[in-house]
Protein backbone atom coordinates (compact mmCIF):
# COMPACT_ATOMS: atom_id res chain seq x y z
CA PRO A 1 -11.32 95.86 51.78
CA VAL A 2 -13.32 93.10 52.49
CA PHE A 3 -14.82 94.56 55.82
CA PHE A 4 -15.75 97.79 53.92
CA ALA A 5 -17.34 96.04 51.43
CA ILE A 6 -19.95 94.52 53.46
CA GLY A 7 -21.08 97.75 54.52
CA ASN A 8 -20.85 99.79 51.39
CA GLY A 9 -20.60 96.86 48.67
CA LYS A 10 -23.38 96.02 46.06
CA LEU A 11 -24.04 92.49 44.95
CA PHE A 12 -24.87 92.34 41.32
CA GLY A 13 -23.42 95.85 41.08
CA PHE A 14 -26.97 97.56 42.34
CA LEU A 15 -28.00 96.12 45.10
CA PRO A 16 -26.40 96.68 48.69
CA ILE A 17 -25.37 93.77 50.77
CA MET A 18 -26.05 95.37 53.93
CA ALA A 19 -29.75 95.65 52.29
CA VAL A 20 -29.43 91.74 51.56
CA LEU A 21 -28.18 91.05 54.89
CA MET A 22 -31.66 92.78 56.47
CA LEU A 23 -33.73 90.79 54.38
CA VAL A 24 -32.15 87.63 55.40
CA ILE A 25 -32.06 88.07 59.09
CA LEU A 26 -35.71 89.94 58.95
CA GLY A 27 -36.67 86.72 56.97
CA VAL A 28 -35.47 84.43 59.36
CA PHE A 29 -36.56 86.16 62.54
CA ILE A 30 -40.39 86.23 60.80
CA PHE A 31 -40.24 82.43 60.32
CA VAL A 32 -38.80 81.89 64.35
CA LEU A 33 -41.49 84.13 65.82
CA ARG A 34 -44.31 82.73 63.56
CA GLY A 35 -43.34 79.23 62.63
CA THR A 36 -41.91 77.83 65.97
CA THR A 37 -42.77 77.45 69.15
CA PHE A 38 -40.23 79.99 70.57
CA GLY A 39 -41.85 82.88 68.31
CA ARG A 40 -45.66 81.99 69.73
CA ARG A 41 -43.99 81.71 73.36
CA LEU A 42 -42.08 85.02 73.29
CA TYR A 43 -45.51 86.52 71.76
CA ALA A 44 -47.13 84.66 74.85
CA VAL A 45 -45.10 86.39 77.76
CA GLY A 46 -45.37 89.54 75.85
CA GLY A 47 -48.93 90.06 75.91
CA ASN A 48 -49.79 88.40 79.57
CA PRO A 49 -47.09 87.20 81.60
CA GLU A 50 -49.28 85.83 84.08
CA VAL A 51 -51.15 83.70 81.69
CA ALA A 52 -48.04 82.21 79.84
CA ARG A 53 -46.80 81.23 83.27
CA ALA A 54 -49.98 79.44 84.05
CA VAL A 55 -49.73 77.23 80.95
CA GLY A 56 -46.09 75.94 81.59
CA ILE A 57 -44.02 78.97 79.96
CA SER A 58 -41.19 80.13 81.91
CA PRO A 59 -41.59 84.28 81.41
CA GLU A 60 -38.02 84.76 83.02
CA ARG A 61 -36.40 82.55 80.42
CA MET A 62 -38.27 83.88 77.23
CA LYS A 63 -37.08 87.48 78.74
CA PHE A 64 -33.47 86.09 79.27
CA SER A 65 -33.93 84.59 75.80
CA ALA A 66 -35.21 87.71 74.31
CA PHE A 67 -32.55 89.87 76.01
CA VAL A 68 -29.79 87.41 74.69
CA LEU A 69 -31.24 87.76 70.88
CA CYS A 70 -31.24 91.67 70.94
CA SER A 71 -27.67 92.02 72.44
CA LEU A 72 -26.48 89.59 69.68
CA LEU A 73 -28.47 91.75 66.95
CA SER A 74 -26.93 95.09 68.50
CA SER A 75 -23.90 93.05 67.89
CA VAL A 76 -24.53 92.60 64.20
CA SER A 77 -25.85 95.96 63.70
CA ALA A 78 -22.70 97.71 65.43
CA ILE A 79 -20.16 95.58 63.31
CA LEU A 80 -22.03 96.61 60.17
CA LEU A 81 -22.24 100.52 61.19
CA ALA A 82 -18.32 100.02 61.24
CA SER A 83 -18.00 98.30 58.01
CA ARG A 84 -20.42 101.10 56.55
CA LEU A 85 -18.19 104.15 58.35
CA ASN A 86 -14.71 101.91 57.98
CA SER A 87 -14.32 103.04 61.62
CA ALA A 88 -15.43 102.22 64.87
CA ASN A 89 -16.48 104.59 67.44
CA HIS A 90 -18.05 103.83 70.97
CA MET A 91 -20.32 106.78 70.38
CA ALA A 92 -20.96 106.00 66.54
CA GLY A 93 -24.80 104.44 67.48
CA SER A 94 -25.44 107.24 70.24
CA GLY A 95 -28.96 108.07 69.61
CA PHE A 96 -30.26 105.42 67.89
CA GLU A 97 -32.80 104.07 70.30
CA PHE A 98 -34.79 106.54 70.24
CA GLN A 99 -35.03 106.08 66.57
CA VAL A 100 -35.49 102.45 66.65
CA VAL A 101 -38.74 103.13 69.16
CA ALA A 102 -40.46 105.66 67.11
CA ALA A 103 -39.95 103.25 63.72
CA ALA A 104 -41.04 100.22 65.65
CA VAL A 105 -43.89 101.61 67.10
CA MET A 106 -44.92 103.74 64.25
CA GLY A 107 -45.03 99.97 62.50
CA GLY A 108 -47.64 98.88 64.70
CA VAL A 109 -45.24 97.29 67.51
CA SER A 110 -46.68 97.82 70.94
CA LEU A 111 -44.81 98.86 73.77
CA SER A 112 -46.75 97.25 76.06
CA GLY A 113 -46.04 94.06 74.45
CA GLY A 114 -47.63 90.74 72.80
CA THR A 115 -48.53 92.71 69.70
CA GLY A 116 -46.81 93.63 66.95
CA ASN A 117 -44.85 92.14 63.60
CA LEU A 118 -41.86 92.39 61.87
CA VAL A 119 -43.04 93.83 58.77
CA GLY A 120 -44.91 96.40 60.61
CA ALA A 121 -41.80 97.11 62.07
CA LEU A 122 -39.90 96.78 58.87
CA ILE A 123 -42.49 99.71 57.16
CA GLY A 124 -42.23 101.44 60.56
CA VAL A 125 -38.60 101.73 59.99
CA LEU A 126 -38.67 102.44 56.22
CA ILE A 127 -41.22 105.39 56.85
CA PHE A 128 -39.16 106.55 59.85
CA GLY A 129 -35.95 106.69 57.31
CA LEU A 130 -37.76 108.67 54.84
CA ILE A 131 -38.49 111.16 57.35
CA GLN A 132 -35.09 111.52 58.63
CA ASN A 133 -34.06 111.29 55.02
CA GLY A 134 -35.99 114.04 54.05
CA MET A 135 -35.17 116.53 57.37
CA GLY A 136 -31.36 116.28 56.45
CA LEU A 137 -32.32 116.88 52.68
CA MET A 138 -34.18 119.80 53.84
CA ASN A 139 -31.06 121.21 55.76
CA ILE A 140 -33.11 120.98 59.28
CA GLY A 141 -31.15 121.49 62.08
CA THR A 142 -29.94 118.69 64.68
CA MET A 143 -31.77 120.16 67.34
CA TYR A 144 -34.98 120.27 65.58
CA GLN A 145 -34.50 116.58 63.63
CA LEU A 146 -34.35 115.55 67.65
CA LEU A 147 -37.40 117.31 68.31
CA ILE A 148 -39.43 116.05 65.42
CA THR A 149 -38.02 112.34 66.55
CA GLY A 150 -39.51 112.61 70.20
CA ALA A 151 -42.73 114.24 69.01
CA ILE A 152 -43.13 111.16 66.61
CA ILE A 153 -42.25 108.86 69.74
CA ILE A 154 -44.87 110.86 71.71
CA ALA A 155 -47.35 110.70 68.94
CA ALA A 156 -46.60 106.73 68.60
CA VAL A 157 -47.10 106.07 72.12
CA ALA A 158 -50.25 107.99 72.24
CA VAL A 159 -51.68 106.22 69.34
CA ASP A 160 -50.64 103.04 71.02
CA GLU A 161 -52.11 103.77 74.19
CA LEU A 162 -55.62 104.96 72.68
CA ARG A 163 -55.45 101.77 70.76
CA LYS A 164 -54.79 99.69 73.58
CA ARG A 165 -57.49 101.14 75.29
CA ARG A 166 -59.88 100.74 72.77
CA GLY A 167 -59.29 96.93 73.29
């Protein structure tokens, strides 16, 4: 019951526990990226690894740390999804990676690295969630939902490229 409550319970009777957890994790990582040396180094490596190396930052170590953090957060997300579904299936999150990329790029995160922020990514996630929910409510077939998601990714990448070329 406790495990199920994490994914489906409400705090004070109206606030989903998962939303609270998301806001806490978001707040922690906003602080880490904006207020710590680690965050500034991560942005530096994402922006230009050669320049970061020239100022004494190890791009390999920073990339390794970023992958470890991504793995940790993926594990947390898998646990929360299992709690929400009240079951564990190795295929439960299949296809989410495309939705995550589309939402992040919609929020202003550059695929080439070094730019973007978590608040923008959150806004992208909210917009993309509204689009996904709307398609579900309109009974759009799964194949067409994937097609629309792909079109959003292509459009977001094109906008990202244009923004990068304009400087």
